[in-house]
Amino acid sequence: MIKIISAKACADYKIWIQYSDGVEGEVDLSHLVGKGIFSAWKDASVFRNFQVKNGRFIIWTDEIDLCADSLYLEITGETPEDIFPRLRMENVNA
């Protein structure tokens, strides 16, 4: 399981993230600003004030969090099936 080992806020609502497998890159979240629960990010200081929780989430408040996997997909351009090969199986029982 990949984990976030480092993250920092950058300009223009971007976050630079480094993962446990060596992948690193910047995610642009500016398209979310002002929408729904992300309205809180209109105050840029709120956006810059996040924490990494258990290497699996970036959290801002009790209401705003993003999972490590979705951000990883954004950075790498991979699909969920690329990082979770069992999703390719025809008969996966959940």
PDB file of N, CA and C in Angstrom:
ATOM      1  N   MET A   1       0.844  -1.175   0.000  1.00  0.00           N
ATOM      2  CA  MET A   1       0.000   0.000   0.000  1.00  0.00           C
ATOM      3  C   MET A   1       0.891   1.240   0.000  1.00  0.00           C
ATOM      4  N   ILE A   2       0.640   2.120  -0.927  1.00  0.00           N
ATOM      5  CA  ILE A   2       1.422   3.354  -1.002  1.00  0.00           C
ATOM      6  C   ILE A   2       0.961   4.330   0.069  1.00  0.00           C
ATOM      7  N   LYS A   3       1.919   5.097   0.576  1.00  0.00           N
ATOM      8  CA  LYS A   3       1.604   6.093   1.598  1.00  0.00           C
ATOM      9  C   LYS A   3       2.273   7.412   1.256  1.00  0.00           C
ATOM     10  N   ILE A   4       1.642   8.483   1.683  1.00  0.00           N
ATOM     11  CA  ILE A   4       2.235   9.810   1.553  1.00  0.00           C
ATOM     12  C   ILE A   4       3.283   9.947   2.647  1.00  0.00           C
ATOM     13  N   ILE A   5       4.514  10.297   2.260  1.00  0.00           N
ATOM     14  CA  ILE A   5       5.545  10.514   3.276  1.00  0.00           C
ATOM     15  C   ILE A   5       5.857  11.990   3.468  1.00  0.00           C
ATOM     16  N   SER A   6       5.458  12.819   2.497  1.00  0.00           N
ATOM     17  CA  SER A   6       5.694  14.254   2.614  1.00  0.00           C
ATOM     18  C   SER A   6       4.721  14.996   1.706  1.00  0.00           C
ATOM     19  N   ALA A   7       4.254  16.143   2.182  1.00  0.00           N
ATOM     20  CA  ALA A   7       3.367  16.981   1.366  1.00  0.00           C
ATOM     21  C   ALA A   7       3.540  18.430   1.785  1.00  0.00           C
ATOM     22  N   LYS A   8       3.489  19.325   0.805  1.00  0.00           N
ATOM     23  CA  LYS A   8       3.567  20.753   1.129  1.00  0.00           C
ATOM     24  C   LYS A   8       2.705  21.547   0.160  1.00  0.00           C
ATOM     25  N   ALA A   9       2.117  22.605   0.694  1.00  0.00           N
ATOM     26  CA  ALA A   9       1.292  23.489  -0.127  1.00  0.00           C
ATOM     27  C   ALA A   9       2.192  24.323  -1.023  1.00  0.00           C
ATOM     28  N   CYS A  10       1.752  24.509  -2.248  1.00  0.00           N
ATOM     29  CA  CYS A  10       2.459  25.344  -3.220  1.00  0.00           C
ATOM     30  C   CYS A  10       1.514  26.469  -3.647  1.00  0.00           C
ATOM     31  N   ALA A  11       1.984  27.314  -4.522  1.00  0.00           N
ATOM     32  CA  ALA A  11       1.171  28.436  -5.010  1.00  0.00           C
ATOM     33  C   ALA A  11      -0.027  27.938  -5.815  1.00  0.00           C
ATOM     34  N   ASP A  12      -1.042  28.772  -5.889  1.00  0.00           N
ATOM     35  CA  ASP A  12      -2.200  28.547  -6.766  1.00  0.00           C
ATOM     36  C   ASP A  12      -2.948  27.246  -6.477  1.00  0.00           C
ATOM     37  N   TYR A  13      -3.100  26.910  -5.208  1.00  0.00           N
ATOM     38  CA  TYR A  13      -3.876  25.744  -4.778  1.00  0.00           C
ATOM     39  C   TYR A  13      -3.319  24.428  -5.324  1.00  0.00           C
ATOM     40  N   LYS A  14      -2.019  24.314  -5.265  1.00  0.00           N
ATOM     41  CA  LYS A  14      -1.347  23.076  -5.652  1.00  0.00           C
ATOM     42  C   LYS A  14      -0.670  22.484  -4.421  1.00  0.00           C
ATOM     43  N   ILE A  15      -0.516  21.162  -4.433  1.00  0.00           N
ATOM     44  CA  ILE A  15       0.176  20.457  -3.356  1.00  0.00           C
ATOM     45  C   ILE A  15       1.232  19.563  -3.985  1.00  0.00           C
ATOM     46  N   TRP A  16       2.453  19.650  -3.448  1.00  0.00           N
ATOM     47  CA  TRP A  16       3.526  18.740  -3.855  1.00  0.00           C
ATOM     48  C   TRP A  16       3.498  17.573  -2.884  1.00  0.00           C
ATOM     49  N   ILE A  17       3.503  16.339  -3.422  1.00  0.00           N
ATOM     50  CA  ILE A  17       3.389  15.136  -2.599  1.00  0.00           C
ATOM     51  C   ILE A  17       4.492  14.155  -2.964  1.00  0.00           C
ATOM     52  N   GLN A  18       5.063  13.530  -1.934  1.00  0.00           N
ATOM     53  CA  GLN A  18       6.035  12.451  -2.133  1.00  0.00           C
ATOM     54  C   GLN A  18       5.455  11.184  -1.505  1.00  0.00           C
ATOM     55  N   TYR A  19       5.530  10.079  -2.248  1.00  0.00           N
ATOM     56  CA  TYR A  19       4.979   8.800  -1.807  1.00  0.00           C
ATOM     57  C   TYR A  19       6.073   7.817  -1.401  1.00  0.00           C
ATOM     58  N   SER A  20       5.667   6.801  -0.666  1.00  0.00           N
ATOM     59  CA  SER A  20       6.590   5.796  -0.140  1.00  0.00           C
ATOM     60  C   SER A  20       7.270   4.976  -1.232  1.00  0.00           C
ATOM     61  N   ASP A  21       6.707   4.924  -2.430  1.00  0.00           N
ATOM     62  CA  ASP A  21       7.326   4.167  -3.524  1.00  0.00           C
ATOM     63  C   ASP A  21       8.255   5.028  -4.383  1.00  0.00           C
ATOM     64  N   GLY A  22       8.487   6.278  -3.957  1.00  0.00           N
ATOM     65  CA  GLY A  22       9.386   7.170  -4.682  1.00  0.00           C
ATOM     66  C   GLY A  22       8.696   8.116  -5.646  1.00  0.00           C
ATOM     67  N   VAL A  23       7.440   7.870  -5.950  1.00  0.00           N
ATOM     68  CA  VAL A  23       6.686   8.776  -6.824  1.00  0.00           C
ATOM     69  C   VAL A  23       6.507  10.105  -6.108  1.00  0.00           C
ATOM     70  N   GLU A  24       6.677  11.188  -6.848  1.00  0.00           N
ATOM     71  CA  GLU A  24       6.419  12.513  -6.302  1.00  0.00           C
ATOM     72  C   GLU A  24       5.935  13.415  -7.420  1.00  0.00           C
ATOM     73  N   GLY A  25       5.180  14.415  -7.027  1.00  0.00           N
ATOM     74  CA  GLY A  25       4.672  15.344  -8.022  1.00  0.00           C
ATOM     75  C   GLY A  25       3.706  16.330  -7.413  1.00  0.00           C
ATOM     76  N   GLU A  26       3.197  17.184  -8.272  1.00  0.00           N
ATOM     77  CA  GLU A  26       2.321  18.262  -7.843  1.00  0.00           C
ATOM     78  C   GLU A  26       0.901  18.008  -8.349  1.00  0.00           C
ATOM     79  N   VAL A  27      -0.066  18.238  -7.475  1.00  0.00           N
ATOM     80  CA  VAL A  27      -1.474  18.091  -7.824  1.00  0.00           C
ATOM     81  C   VAL A  27      -2.117  19.472  -7.784  1.00  0.00           C
ATOM     82  N   ASP A  28      -2.813  19.825  -8.844  1.00  0.00           N
ATOM     83  CA  ASP A  28      -3.512  21.105  -8.927  1.00  0.00           C
ATOM     84  C   ASP A  28      -4.957  20.902  -8.475  1.00  0.00           C
ATOM     85  N   LEU A  29      -5.314  21.534  -7.357  1.00  0.00           N
ATOM     86  CA  LEU A  29      -6.664  21.406  -6.810  1.00  0.00           C
ATOM     87  C   LEU A  29      -7.482  22.681  -6.993  1.00  0.00           C
ATOM     88  N   SER A  30      -6.989  23.595  -7.808  1.00  0.00           N
ATOM     89  CA  SER A  30      -7.652  24.893  -7.971  1.00  0.00           C
ATOM     90  C   SER A  30      -9.071  24.767  -8.530  1.00  0.00           C
ATOM     91  N   HIS A  31      -9.338  23.708  -9.283  1.00  0.00           N
ATOM     92  CA  HIS A  31     -10.675  23.521  -9.853  1.00  0.00           C
ATOM     93  C   HIS A  31     -11.740  23.229  -8.790  1.00  0.00           C
ATOM     94  N   LEU A  32     -11.310  22.890  -7.573  1.00  0.00           N
ATOM     95  CA  LEU A  32     -12.253  22.594  -6.495  1.00  0.00           C
ATOM     96  C   LEU A  32     -12.602  23.810  -5.643  1.00  0.00           C
ATOM     97  N   VAL A  33     -11.761  24.832  -5.682  1.00  0.00           N
ATOM     98  CA  VAL A  33     -11.931  26.001  -4.813  1.00  0.00           C
ATOM     99  C   VAL A  33     -13.305  26.639  -5.027  1.00  0.00           C
ATOM    100  N   GLY A  34     -14.016  26.834  -3.921  1.00  0.00           N
ATOM    101  CA  GLY A  34     -15.314  27.496  -3.970  1.00  0.00           C
ATOM    102  C   GLY A  34     -16.488  26.581  -4.252  1.00  0.00           C
ATOM    103  N   LYS A  35     -16.230  25.290  -4.472  1.00  0.00           N
ATOM    104  CA  LYS A  35     -17.306  24.347  -4.787  1.00  0.00           C
ATOM    105  C   LYS A  35     -17.643  23.508  -3.551  1.00  0.00           C
ATOM    106  N   GLY A  36     -18.898  23.534  -3.146  1.00  0.00           N
ATOM    107  CA  GLY A  36     -19.350  22.707  -2.024  1.00  0.00           C
ATOM    108  C   GLY A  36     -18.509  22.907  -0.780  1.00  0.00           C
ATOM    109  N   ILE A  37     -18.054  21.797  -0.203  1.00  0.00           N
ATOM    110  CA  ILE A  37     -17.258  21.893   1.024  1.00  0.00           C
ATOM    111  C   ILE A  37     -15.919  22.584   0.797  1.00  0.00           C
ATOM    112  N   PHE A  38     -15.494  22.663  -0.449  1.00  0.00           N
ATOM    113  CA  PHE A  38     -14.223  23.316  -0.760  1.00  0.00           C
ATOM    114  C   PHE A  38     -14.330  24.842  -0.769  1.00  0.00           C
ATOM    115  N   SER A  39     -15.500  25.363  -0.443  1.00  0.00           N
ATOM    116  CA  SER A  39     -15.666  26.818  -0.310  1.00  0.00           C
ATOM    117  C   SER A  39     -14.734  27.376   0.756  1.00  0.00           C
ATOM    118  N   ALA A  40     -14.407  26.566   1.745  1.00  0.00           N
ATOM    119  CA  ALA A  40     -13.492  26.997   2.809  1.00  0.00           C
ATOM    120  C   ALA A  40     -12.134  27.398   2.247  1.00  0.00           C
ATOM    121  N   TRP A  41     -11.773  26.832   1.090  1.00  0.00           N
ATOM    122  CA  TRP A  41     -10.468  27.134   0.486  1.00  0.00           C
ATOM    123  C   TRP A  41     -10.405  28.508  -0.157  1.00  0.00           C
ATOM    124  N   LYS A  42     -11.524  29.213  -0.225  1.00  0.00           N
ATOM    125  CA  LYS A  42     -11.470  30.587  -0.743  1.00  0.00           C
ATOM    126  C   LYS A  42     -10.494  31.410   0.087  1.00  0.00           C
ATOM    127  N   ASP A  43     -10.371  31.040   1.355  1.00  0.00           N
ATOM    128  CA  ASP A  43      -9.342  31.607   2.230  1.00  0.00           C
ATOM    129  C   ASP A  43      -8.097  30.742   2.032  1.00  0.00           C
ATOM    130  N   ALA A  44      -7.119  31.247   1.308  1.00  0.00           N
ATOM    131  CA  ALA A  44      -5.923  30.466   0.960  1.00  0.00           C
ATOM    132  C   ALA A  44      -5.199  29.933   2.188  1.00  0.00           C
ATOM    133  N   SER A  45      -5.300  30.621   3.319  1.00  0.00           N
ATOM    134  CA  SER A  45      -4.629  30.136   4.532  1.00  0.00           C
ATOM    135  C   SER A  45      -5.259  28.833   5.016  1.00  0.00           C
ATOM    136  N   VAL A  46      -6.551  28.643   4.779  1.00  0.00           N
ATOM    137  CA  VAL A  46      -7.206  27.377   5.127  1.00  0.00           C
ATOM    138  C   VAL A  46      -6.637  26.268   4.250  1.00  0.00           C
ATOM    139  N   PHE A  47      -6.479  26.524   2.959  1.00  0.00           N
ATOM    140  CA  PHE A  47      -5.920  25.519   2.048  1.00  0.00           C
ATOM    141  C   PHE A  47      -4.512  25.111   2.475  1.00  0.00           C
ATOM    142  N   ARG A  48      -3.697  26.076   2.851  1.00  0.00           N
ATOM    143  CA  ARG A  48      -2.306  25.793   3.222  1.00  0.00           C
ATOM    144  C   ARG A  48      -2.187  25.060   4.556  1.00  0.00           C
ATOM    145  N   ASN A  49      -3.245  25.038   5.343  1.00  0.00           N
ATOM    146  CA  ASN A  49      -3.205  24.445   6.676  1.00  0.00           C
ATOM    147  C   ASN A  49      -3.791  23.027   6.660  1.00  0.00           C
ATOM    148  N   PHE A  50      -3.035  22.075   6.133  1.00  0.00           N
ATOM    149  CA  PHE A  50      -3.496  20.686   6.090  1.00  0.00           C
ATOM    150  C   PHE A  50      -2.524  19.785   6.840  1.00  0.00           C
ATOM    151  N   GLN A  51      -2.961  18.560   7.065  1.00  0.00           N
ATOM    152  CA  GLN A  51      -2.128  17.544   7.704  1.00  0.00           C
ATOM    153  C   GLN A  51      -2.218  16.256   6.900  1.00  0.00           C
ATOM    154  N   VAL A  52      -1.162  15.457   6.978  1.00  0.00           N
ATOM    155  CA  VAL A  52      -1.193  14.114   6.408  1.00  0.00           C
ATOM    156  C   VAL A  52      -1.570  13.175   7.549  1.00  0.00           C
ATOM    157  N   LYS A  53      -2.615  12.389   7.349  1.00  0.00           N
ATOM    158  CA  LYS A  53      -3.095  11.474   8.384  1.00  0.00           C
ATOM    159  C   LYS A  53      -2.787  10.037   7.987  1.00  0.00           C
ATOM    160  N   ASN A  54      -1.988   9.379   8.806  1.00  0.00           N
ATOM    161  CA  ASN A  54      -1.637   7.965   8.614  1.00  0.00           C
ATOM    162  C   ASN A  54      -1.051   7.659   7.238  1.00  0.00           C
ATOM    163  N   GLY A  55      -0.550   8.664   6.554  1.00  0.00           N
ATOM    164  CA  GLY A  55       0.006   8.462   5.223  1.00  0.00           C
ATOM    165  C   GLY A  55      -1.037   8.165   4.165  1.00  0.00           C
ATOM    166  N   ARG A  56      -2.305   8.166   4.548  1.00  0.00           N
ATOM    167  CA  ARG A  56      -3.374   7.755   3.639  1.00  0.00           C
ATOM    168  C   ARG A  56      -4.324   8.872   3.245  1.00  0.00           C
ATOM    169  N   PHE A  57      -4.278   9.986   3.970  1.00  0.00           N
ATOM    170  CA  PHE A  57      -5.190  11.096   3.686  1.00  0.00           C
ATOM    171  C   PHE A  57      -4.489  12.423   3.878  1.00  0.00           C
ATOM    172  N   ILE A  58      -4.916  13.421   3.113  1.00  0.00           N
ATOM    173  CA  ILE A  58      -4.579  14.808   3.415  1.00  0.00           C
ATOM    174  C   ILE A  58      -5.879  15.408   3.930  1.00  0.00           C
ATOM    175  N   ILE A  59      -5.815  15.968   5.143  1.00  0.00           N
ATOM    176  CA  ILE A  59      -7.028  16.487   5.772  1.00  0.00           C
ATOM    177  C   ILE A  59      -6.878  17.966   6.094  1.00  0.00           C
ATOM    178  N   TRP A  60      -7.978  18.685   5.942  1.00  0.00           N
ATOM    179  CA  TRP A  60      -8.014  20.114   6.260  1.00  0.00           C
ATOM    180  C   TRP A  60      -8.878  20.377   7.481  1.00  0.00           C
ATOM    181  N   THR A  61     -10.058  19.836   7.497  1.00  0.00           N
ATOM    182  CA  THR A  61     -10.999  20.024   8.597  1.00  0.00           C
ATOM    183  C   THR A  61     -11.686  18.684   8.813  1.00  0.00           C
ATOM    184  N   ASP A  62     -12.654  18.668   9.702  1.00  0.00           N
ATOM    185  CA  ASP A  62     -13.430  17.442   9.895  1.00  0.00           C
ATOM    186  C   ASP A  62     -14.234  17.080   8.651  1.00  0.00           C
ATOM    187  N   GLU A  63     -14.406  18.038   7.754  1.00  0.00           N
ATOM    188  CA  GLU A  63     -15.236  17.809   6.574  1.00  0.00           C
ATOM    189  C   GLU A  63     -14.457  17.636   5.277  1.00  0.00           C
ATOM    190  N   ILE A  64     -13.205  18.052   5.240  1.00  0.00           N
ATOM    191  CA  ILE A  64     -12.452  18.018   3.981  1.00  0.00           C
ATOM    192  C   ILE A  64     -11.252  17.086   4.103  1.00  0.00           C
ATOM    193  N   ASP A  65     -11.228  16.061   3.259  1.00  0.00           N
ATOM    194  CA  ASP A  65     -10.055  15.196   3.158  1.00  0.00           C
ATOM    195  C   ASP A  65     -10.003  14.596   1.756  1.00  0.00           C
ATOM    196  N   LEU A  66      -8.804  14.270   1.326  1.00  0.00           N
ATOM    197  CA  LEU A  66      -8.588  13.615   0.037  1.00  0.00           C
ATOM    198  C   LEU A  66      -7.708  12.397   0.280  1.00  0.00           C
ATOM    199  N   CYS A  67      -8.038  11.291  -0.363  1.00  0.00           N
ATOM    200  CA  CYS A  67      -7.286  10.058  -0.123  1.00  0.00           C
ATOM    201  C   CYS A  67      -5.998  10.021  -0.949  1.00  0.00           C
ATOM    202  N   ALA A  68      -5.021   9.337  -0.392  1.00  0.00           N
ATOM    203  CA  ALA A  68      -3.706   9.225  -1.021  1.00  0.00           C
ATOM    204  C   ALA A  68      -3.795   8.591  -2.405  1.00  0.00           C
ATOM    205  N   ASP A  69      -4.668   7.606  -2.560  1.00  0.00           N
ATOM    206  CA  ASP A  69      -4.764   6.894  -3.835  1.00  0.00           C
ATOM    207  C   ASP A  69      -5.261   7.790  -4.966  1.00  0.00           C
ATOM    208  N   SER A  70      -6.284   8.588  -4.700  1.00  0.00           N
ATOM    209  CA  SER A  70      -6.812   9.452  -5.764  1.00  0.00           C
ATOM    210  C   SER A  70      -5.785  10.497  -6.179  1.00  0.00           C
ATOM    211  N   LEU A  71      -5.031  11.004  -5.217  1.00  0.00           N
ATOM    212  CA  LEU A  71      -3.986  11.981  -5.534  1.00  0.00           C
ATOM    213  C   LEU A  71      -2.841  11.317  -6.301  1.00  0.00           C
ATOM    214  N   TYR A  72      -2.531  10.072  -5.949  1.00  0.00           N
ATOM    215  CA  TYR A  72      -1.502   9.299  -6.644  1.00  0.00           C
ATOM    216  C   TYR A  72      -1.885   9.118  -8.115  1.00  0.00           C
ATOM    217  N   LEU A  73      -3.143   8.764  -8.356  1.00  0.00           N
ATOM    218  CA  LEU A  73      -3.622   8.601  -9.731  1.00  0.00           C
ATOM    219  C   LEU A  73      -3.506   9.904 -10.506  1.00  0.00           C
ATOM    220  N   GLU A  74      -3.804  11.000  -9.847  1.00  0.00           N
ATOM    221  CA  GLU A  74      -3.710  12.321 -10.482  1.00  0.00           C
ATOM    222  C   GLU A  74      -2.265  12.623 -10.893  1.00  0.00           C
ATOM    223  N   ILE A  75      -1.319  12.311 -10.018  1.00  0.00           N
ATOM    224  CA  ILE A  75       0.098  12.589 -10.296  1.00  0.00           C
ATOM    225  C   ILE A  75       0.641  11.685 -11.395  1.00  0.00           C
ATOM    226  N   THR A  76       0.326  10.402 -11.315  1.00  0.00           N
ATOM    227  CA  THR A  76       0.926   9.432 -12.237  1.00  0.00           C
ATOM    228  C   THR A  76       0.171   9.272 -13.549  1.00  0.00           C
ATOM    229  N   GLY A  77      -1.104   9.626 -13.560  1.00  0.00           N
ATOM    230  CA  GLY A  77      -1.917   9.395 -14.746  1.00  0.00           C
ATOM    231  C   GLY A  77      -2.346   7.942 -14.886  1.00  0.00           C
ATOM    232  N   GLU A  78      -2.107   7.147 -13.853  1.00  0.00           N
ATOM    233  CA  GLU A  78      -2.501   5.744 -13.883  1.00  0.00           C
ATOM    234  C   GLU A  78      -3.997   5.603 -13.615  1.00  0.00           C
ATOM    235  N   THR A  79      -4.503   4.396 -13.845  1.00  0.00           N
ATOM    236  CA  THR A  79      -5.904   4.090 -13.559  1.00  0.00           C
ATOM    237  C   THR A  79      -5.982   3.306 -12.252  1.00  0.00           C
ATOM    238  N   PRO A  80      -7.165   3.205 -11.652  1.00  0.00           N
ATOM    239  CA  PRO A  80      -7.288   2.388 -10.444  1.00  0.00           C
ATOM    240  C   PRO A  80      -6.823   0.944 -10.675  1.00  0.00           C
ATOM    241  N   GLU A  81      -7.087   0.407 -11.857  1.00  0.00           N
ATOM    242  CA  GLU A  81      -6.664  -0.961 -12.171  1.00  0.00           C
ATOM    243  C   GLU A  81      -5.144  -1.107 -12.194  1.00  0.00           C
ATOM    244  N   ASP A  82      -4.430  -0.033 -12.492  1.00  0.00           N
ATOM    245  CA  ASP A  82      -2.971  -0.087 -12.502  1.00  0.00           C
ATOM    246  C   ASP A  82      -2.408  -0.286 -11.097  1.00  0.00           C
ATOM    247  N   ILE A  83      -3.019   0.357 -10.111  1.00  0.00           N
ATOM    248  CA  ILE A  83      -2.471   0.229  -8.753  1.00  0.00           C
ATOM    249  C   ILE A  83      -3.215  -0.809  -7.916  1.00  0.00           C
ATOM    250  N   PHE A  84      -4.381  -1.222  -8.376  1.00  0.00           N
ATOM    251  CA  PHE A  84      -5.148  -2.285  -7.720  1.00  0.00           C
ATOM    252  C   PHE A  84      -5.482  -3.345  -8.767  1.00  0.00           C
ATOM    253  N   PRO A  85      -4.520  -4.208  -9.119  1.00  0.00           N
ATOM    254  CA  PRO A  85      -4.706  -5.167 -10.213  1.00  0.00           C
ATOM    255  C   PRO A  85      -5.925  -6.078 -10.065  1.00  0.00           C
ATOM    256  N   ARG A  86      -6.359  -6.328  -8.843  1.00  0.00           N
ATOM    257  CA  ARG A  86      -7.524  -7.212  -8.664  1.00  0.00           C
ATOM    258  C   ARG A  86      -8.793  -6.609  -9.263  1.00  0.00           C
ATOM    259  N   LEU A  87      -8.805  -5.306  -9.480  1.00  0.00           N
ATOM    260  CA  LEU A  87      -9.973  -4.683 -10.104  1.00  0.00           C
ATOM    261  C   LEU A  87     -10.171  -5.165 -11.537  1.00  0.00           C
ATOM    262  N   ARG A  88      -9.105  -5.680 -12.147  1.00  0.00           N
ATOM    263  CA  ARG A  88      -9.188  -6.187 -13.526  1.00  0.00           C
ATOM    264  C   ARG A  88      -9.881  -7.545 -13.585  1.00  0.00           C
ATOM    265  N   MET A  89      -9.904  -8.237 -12.461  1.00  0.00           N
ATOM    266  CA  MET A  89     -10.505  -9.567 -12.442  1.00  0.00           C
ATOM    267  C   MET A  89     -12.000  -9.469 -12.702  1.00  0.00           C
ATOM    268  N   GLU A  90     -12.489 -10.451 -13.428  1.00  0.00           N
ATOM    269  CA  GLU A  90     -13.890 -10.436 -13.809  1.00  0.00           C
ATOM    270  C   GLU A  90     -14.819 -10.676 -12.631  1.00  0.00           C
ATOM    271  N   ASN A  91     -14.468 -11.579 -11.740  1.00  0.00           N
ATOM    272  CA  ASN A  91     -15.344 -11.945 -10.624  1.00  0.00           C
ATOM    273  C   ASN A  91     -14.747 -11.522  -9.290  1.00  0.00           C
ATOM    274  N   VAL A  92     -14.771 -10.262  -9.017  1.00  0.00           N
ATOM    275  CA  VAL A  92     -14.296  -9.768  -7.730  1.00  0.00           C
ATOM    276  C   VAL A  92     -15.498  -9.620  -6.819  1.00  0.00           C
ATOM    277  N   ASN A  93     -15.458 -10.286  -5.681  1.00  0.00           N
ATOM    278  CA  ASN A  93     -16.543 -10.186  -4.704  1.00  0.00           C
ATOM    279  C   ASN A  93     -16.142  -9.226  -3.607  1.00  0.00           C
ATOM    280  N   ALA A  94     -16.964  -8.232  -3.387  1.00  0.00           N
ATOM    281  CA  ALA A  94     -16.646  -7.255  -2.350  1.00  0.00           C
ATOM    282  C   ALA A  94     -17.497  -7.483  -1.129  1.00  0.00           C
TER     283      ALA A  94
END
